[in-house]
Amino acid sequence: MSVKITEAGAIKEGSYIVIEDVPCRVVEVEKSKTGKHGSTKVRIVGVSIIDNSKKVLTVPSDAQVNIPIIEKKFAQVINVGKDTVQLMDLKTYEFYEVSKPQELADKLANGTEVEVWEVLGYKFISRLK
C-alpha cells in the first residue's frame, strides 16, 4: 500500500486521505475541543475517488492517518465498452481496462488521450488530456 502518514490535525479540505481502506478527497474538516482533560477531536468527511460514496472519520487530532500517494499516468483509449474502457499506457504500451466514468462517458472515443490515476491498487480515468 503506497501511503504516507501524517497527523489528523494537519489535514485540510481538498487534500486526500484513506478512510476505511478507500482513497477519499477531503470535503470537510471540523475540529472540536473536548472537556478539561480530553484531547482535540477532528471529524473528517471525505468522498471516495473510486465510487463517490461519503466516508466519515473521527479521531484525536494527534492520531496518525494515511495519505494515499497518487500516481498520474497518461493513456490512450483503445476501445470503449458498455461499462469499461480499454486503455494503452503511453510510456510502457501496457494494455489494461478501467471502469467507464459516467461524467466522461460521452467524451470518450477511440484514440482519445486521458489522464489515469493509480492509487492503492485502483486505476481510473480522472480527466481528458
C-alpha atoms as a PDB file:
ATOM      1  CA  MET A   1       0.000   0.000   0.000  1.00  0.00           C
ATOM      2  CA  SER A   2       1.655   3.232  -1.088  1.00  0.00           C
ATOM      3  CA  VAL A   3       0.736   5.802   1.535  1.00  0.00           C
ATOM      4  CA  LYS A   4       2.448   8.348   3.704  1.00  0.00           C
ATOM      5  CA  ILE A   5       1.493   9.050   7.297  1.00  0.00           C
ATOM      6  CA  THR A   6       0.567  12.384   8.868  1.00  0.00           C
ATOM      7  CA  GLU A   7      -1.374  13.676  11.873  1.00  0.00           C
ATOM      8  CA  ALA A   8      -5.133  14.090  11.521  1.00  0.00           C
ATOM      9  CA  GLY A   9      -4.917  17.704  12.735  1.00  0.00           C
ATOM     10  CA  ALA A  10      -2.842  18.627   9.659  1.00  0.00           C
ATOM     11  CA  ILE A  11      -5.498  17.514   7.144  1.00  0.00           C
ATOM     12  CA  LYS A  12      -7.036  20.310   5.039  1.00  0.00           C
ATOM     13  CA  GLU A  13     -10.084  20.446   2.763  1.00  0.00           C
ATOM     14  CA  GLY A  14      -9.215  19.472  -0.808  1.00  0.00           C
ATOM     15  CA  SER A  15      -6.442  17.086   0.225  1.00  0.00           C
ATOM     16  CA  TYR A  16      -6.642  13.282   0.086  1.00  0.00           C
ATOM     17  CA  ILE A  17      -6.892  10.707   2.875  1.00  0.00           C
ATOM     18  CA  VAL A  18      -7.523   6.972   3.282  1.00  0.00           C
ATOM     19  CA  ILE A  19     -10.778   6.236   5.158  1.00  0.00           C
ATOM     20  CA  GLU A  20     -11.834   2.576   5.609  1.00  0.00           C
ATOM     21  CA  ASP A  21      -9.078   1.499   3.144  1.00  0.00           C
ATOM     22  CA  VAL A  22     -10.614   3.725   0.437  1.00  0.00           C
ATOM     23  CA  PRO A  23      -8.838   6.794  -1.014  1.00  0.00           C
ATOM     24  CA  CYS A  24     -11.007   9.891  -0.491  1.00  0.00           C
ATOM     25  CA  ARG A  25     -10.922  13.600  -1.280  1.00  0.00           C
ATOM     26  CA  VAL A  26     -11.480  15.650   1.895  1.00  0.00           C
ATOM     27  CA  VAL A  27     -14.576  17.874   1.612  1.00  0.00           C
ATOM     28  CA  GLU A  28     -14.989  18.954   5.253  1.00  0.00           C
ATOM     29  CA  VAL A  29     -12.769  19.180   8.347  1.00  0.00           C
ATOM     30  CA  GLU A  30     -14.226  20.010  11.779  1.00  0.00           C
ATOM     31  CA  LYS A  31     -12.087  20.427  14.893  1.00  0.00           C
ATOM     32  CA  SER A  32     -13.664  20.349  18.331  1.00  0.00           C
ATOM     33  CA  LYS A  33     -12.180  20.709  21.787  1.00  0.00           C
ATOM     34  CA  THR A  34     -13.432  18.230  24.324  1.00  0.00           C
ATOM     35  CA  GLY A  35     -13.523  18.613  28.115  1.00  0.00           C
ATOM     36  CA  LYS A  36     -10.867  19.667  30.577  1.00  0.00           C
ATOM     37  CA  HIS A  37      -8.698  16.565  30.192  1.00  0.00           C
ATOM     38  CA  GLY A  38      -9.761  15.423  26.724  1.00  0.00           C
ATOM     39  CA  SER A  39      -7.858  15.945  23.520  1.00  0.00           C
ATOM     40  CA  THR A  40      -8.977  17.868  20.452  1.00  0.00           C
ATOM     41  CA  LYS A  41     -11.006  15.715  18.053  1.00  0.00           C
ATOM     42  CA  VAL A  42     -11.030  16.008  14.283  1.00  0.00           C
ATOM     43  CA  ARG A  43     -14.014  14.982  12.165  1.00  0.00           C
ATOM     44  CA  ILE A  44     -13.010  14.453   8.539  1.00  0.00           C
ATOM     45  CA  VAL A  45     -15.624  13.976   5.807  1.00  0.00           C
ATOM     46  CA  GLY A  46     -14.327  12.513   2.558  1.00  0.00           C
ATOM     47  CA  VAL A  47     -15.785  11.466  -0.765  1.00  0.00           C
ATOM     48  CA  SER A  48     -14.385   8.278  -2.287  1.00  0.00           C
ATOM     49  CA  ILE A  49     -12.477   8.937  -5.502  1.00  0.00           C
ATOM     50  CA  ILE A  50     -13.462   5.441  -6.630  1.00  0.00           C
ATOM     51  CA  ASP A  51     -17.277   5.453  -6.315  1.00  0.00           C
ATOM     52  CA  ASN A  52     -18.181   8.924  -4.896  1.00  0.00           C
ATOM     53  CA  SER A  53     -19.527   7.458  -1.628  1.00  0.00           C
ATOM     54  CA  LYS A  54     -19.301   9.586   1.536  1.00  0.00           C
ATOM     55  CA  LYS A  55     -16.963   8.457   4.344  1.00  0.00           C
ATOM     56  CA  VAL A  56     -16.528   9.982   7.815  1.00  0.00           C
ATOM     57  CA  LEU A  57     -13.544   9.619  10.162  1.00  0.00           C
ATOM     58  CA  THR A  58     -13.475  10.982  13.736  1.00  0.00           C
ATOM     59  CA  VAL A  59     -10.150  10.723  15.563  1.00  0.00           C
ATOM     60  CA  PRO A  60      -7.997  12.672  18.045  1.00  0.00           C
ATOM     61  CA  SER A  61      -6.061  15.444  16.269  1.00  0.00           C
ATOM     62  CA  ASP A  62      -2.715  13.777  17.039  1.00  0.00           C
ATOM     63  CA  ALA A  63      -3.806  10.390  15.575  1.00  0.00           C
ATOM     64  CA  GLN A  64      -1.815   9.057  12.638  1.00  0.00           C
ATOM     65  CA  VAL A  65      -3.754   8.870   9.344  1.00  0.00           C
ATOM     66  CA  ASN A  66      -2.784   7.568   5.907  1.00  0.00           C
ATOM     67  CA  ILE A  67      -2.423   9.860   2.894  1.00  0.00           C
ATOM     68  CA  PRO A  68      -2.599   7.985  -0.444  1.00  0.00           C
ATOM     69  CA  ILE A  69       0.182   8.502  -2.950  1.00  0.00           C
ATOM     70  CA  ILE A  70      -1.461   9.210  -6.313  1.00  0.00           C
ATOM     71  CA  GLU A  71       0.484   8.166  -9.395  1.00  0.00           C
ATOM     72  CA  LYS A  72      -0.652  10.039 -12.501  1.00  0.00           C
ATOM     73  CA  LYS A  73      -0.141   8.476 -15.929  1.00  0.00           C
ATOM     74  CA  PHE A  74      -1.313   9.166 -19.453  1.00  0.00           C
ATOM     75  CA  ALA A  75      -3.033   6.598 -21.654  1.00  0.00           C
ATOM     76  CA  GLN A  76      -4.811   6.337 -24.982  1.00  0.00           C
ATOM     77  CA  VAL A  77      -8.332   4.940 -25.323  1.00  0.00           C
ATOM     78  CA  ILE A  78      -8.239   1.772 -27.433  1.00  0.00           C
ATOM     79  CA  ASN A  79     -11.843   0.638 -27.064  1.00  0.00           C
ATOM     80  CA  VAL A  80     -14.937   1.955 -25.274  1.00  0.00           C
ATOM     81  CA  GLY A  81     -17.232  -0.796 -23.984  1.00  0.00           C
ATOM     82  CA  LYS A  82     -20.560  -0.663 -22.185  1.00  0.00           C
ATOM     83  CA  ASP A  83     -19.104  -0.387 -18.646  1.00  0.00           C
ATOM     84  CA  THR A  84     -15.333  -0.417 -19.225  1.00  0.00           C
ATOM     85  CA  VAL A  85     -12.691   1.375 -21.244  1.00  0.00           C
ATOM     86  CA  GLN A  86      -9.642  -0.388 -22.655  1.00  0.00           C
ATOM     87  CA  LEU A  87      -6.516   1.774 -22.395  1.00  0.00           C
ATOM     88  CA  MET A  88      -2.898   1.675 -23.507  1.00  0.00           C
ATOM     89  CA  ASP A  89      -0.254   3.307 -21.297  1.00  0.00           C
ATOM     90  CA  LEU A  90       1.624   5.895 -23.375  1.00  0.00           C
ATOM     91  CA  LYS A  91       5.012   5.111 -21.751  1.00  0.00           C
ATOM     92  CA  THR A  92       5.004   1.321 -21.283  1.00  0.00           C
ATOM     93  CA  TYR A  93       2.454   0.426 -24.023  1.00  0.00           C
ATOM     94  CA  GLU A  94       0.748  -1.837 -21.471  1.00  0.00           C
ATOM     95  CA  PHE A  95      -2.956  -2.595 -22.087  1.00  0.00           C
ATOM     96  CA  TYR A  96      -5.490  -2.577 -19.246  1.00  0.00           C
ATOM     97  CA  GLU A  97      -9.179  -1.949 -18.546  1.00  0.00           C
ATOM     98  CA  VAL A  98     -10.800   0.505 -16.176  1.00  0.00           C
ATOM     99  CA  SER A  99     -14.410   1.313 -15.308  1.00  0.00           C
ATOM    100  CA  LYS A 100     -16.048   3.850 -17.592  1.00  0.00           C
ATOM    101  CA  PRO A 101     -16.564   7.141 -15.695  1.00  0.00           C
ATOM    102  CA  GLN A 102     -20.157   8.323 -16.165  1.00  0.00           C
ATOM    103  CA  GLU A 103     -19.199  12.027 -16.193  1.00  0.00           C
ATOM    104  CA  LEU A 104     -16.848  11.478 -19.178  1.00  0.00           C
ATOM    105  CA  ALA A 105     -18.791   8.713 -20.971  1.00  0.00           C
ATOM    106  CA  ASP A 106     -19.944  10.876 -23.900  1.00  0.00           C
ATOM    107  CA  LYS A 107     -16.440  12.359 -24.442  1.00  0.00           C
ATOM    108  CA  LEU A 108     -14.531   9.062 -24.603  1.00  0.00           C
ATOM    109  CA  ALA A 109     -13.715   7.772 -28.086  1.00  0.00           C
ATOM    110  CA  ASN A 110     -11.057   5.557 -29.627  1.00  0.00           C
ATOM    111  CA  GLY A 111      -7.767   7.465 -29.852  1.00  0.00           C
ATOM    112  CA  THR A 112      -8.614   9.969 -27.092  1.00  0.00           C
ATOM    113  CA  GLU A 113      -5.821  10.599 -24.590  1.00  0.00           C
ATOM    114  CA  VAL A 114      -6.725  10.560 -20.880  1.00  0.00           C
ATOM    115  CA  GLU A 115      -5.058  11.041 -17.506  1.00  0.00           C
ATOM    116  CA  VAL A 116      -5.233   7.915 -15.355  1.00  0.00           C
ATOM    117  CA  TRP A 117      -4.757   7.947 -11.586  1.00  0.00           C
ATOM    118  CA  GLU A 118      -3.381   4.850  -9.889  1.00  0.00           C
ATOM    119  CA  VAL A 119      -3.951   4.846  -6.145  1.00  0.00           C
ATOM    120  CA  LEU A 120      -3.985   1.937  -3.664  1.00  0.00           C
ATOM    121  CA  GLY A 121      -4.295  -0.623  -6.461  1.00  0.00           C
ATOM    122  CA  TYR A 122      -7.184   1.177  -8.160  1.00  0.00           C
ATOM    123  CA  LYS A 123      -6.857   2.651 -11.652  1.00  0.00           C
ATOM    124  CA  PHE A 124      -9.392   5.120 -13.014  1.00  0.00           C
ATOM    125  CA  ILE A 125      -9.700   7.904 -15.568  1.00  0.00           C
ATOM    126  CA  SER A 126      -9.535  11.305 -13.877  1.00  0.00           C
ATOM    127  CA  ARG A 127      -9.818  13.599 -16.898  1.00  0.00           C
ATOM    128  CA  LEU A 128      -9.247  14.009 -20.630  1.00  0.00           C
ATOM    129  CA  LYS A 129      -5.750  15.152 -21.602  1.00  0.00           C
END
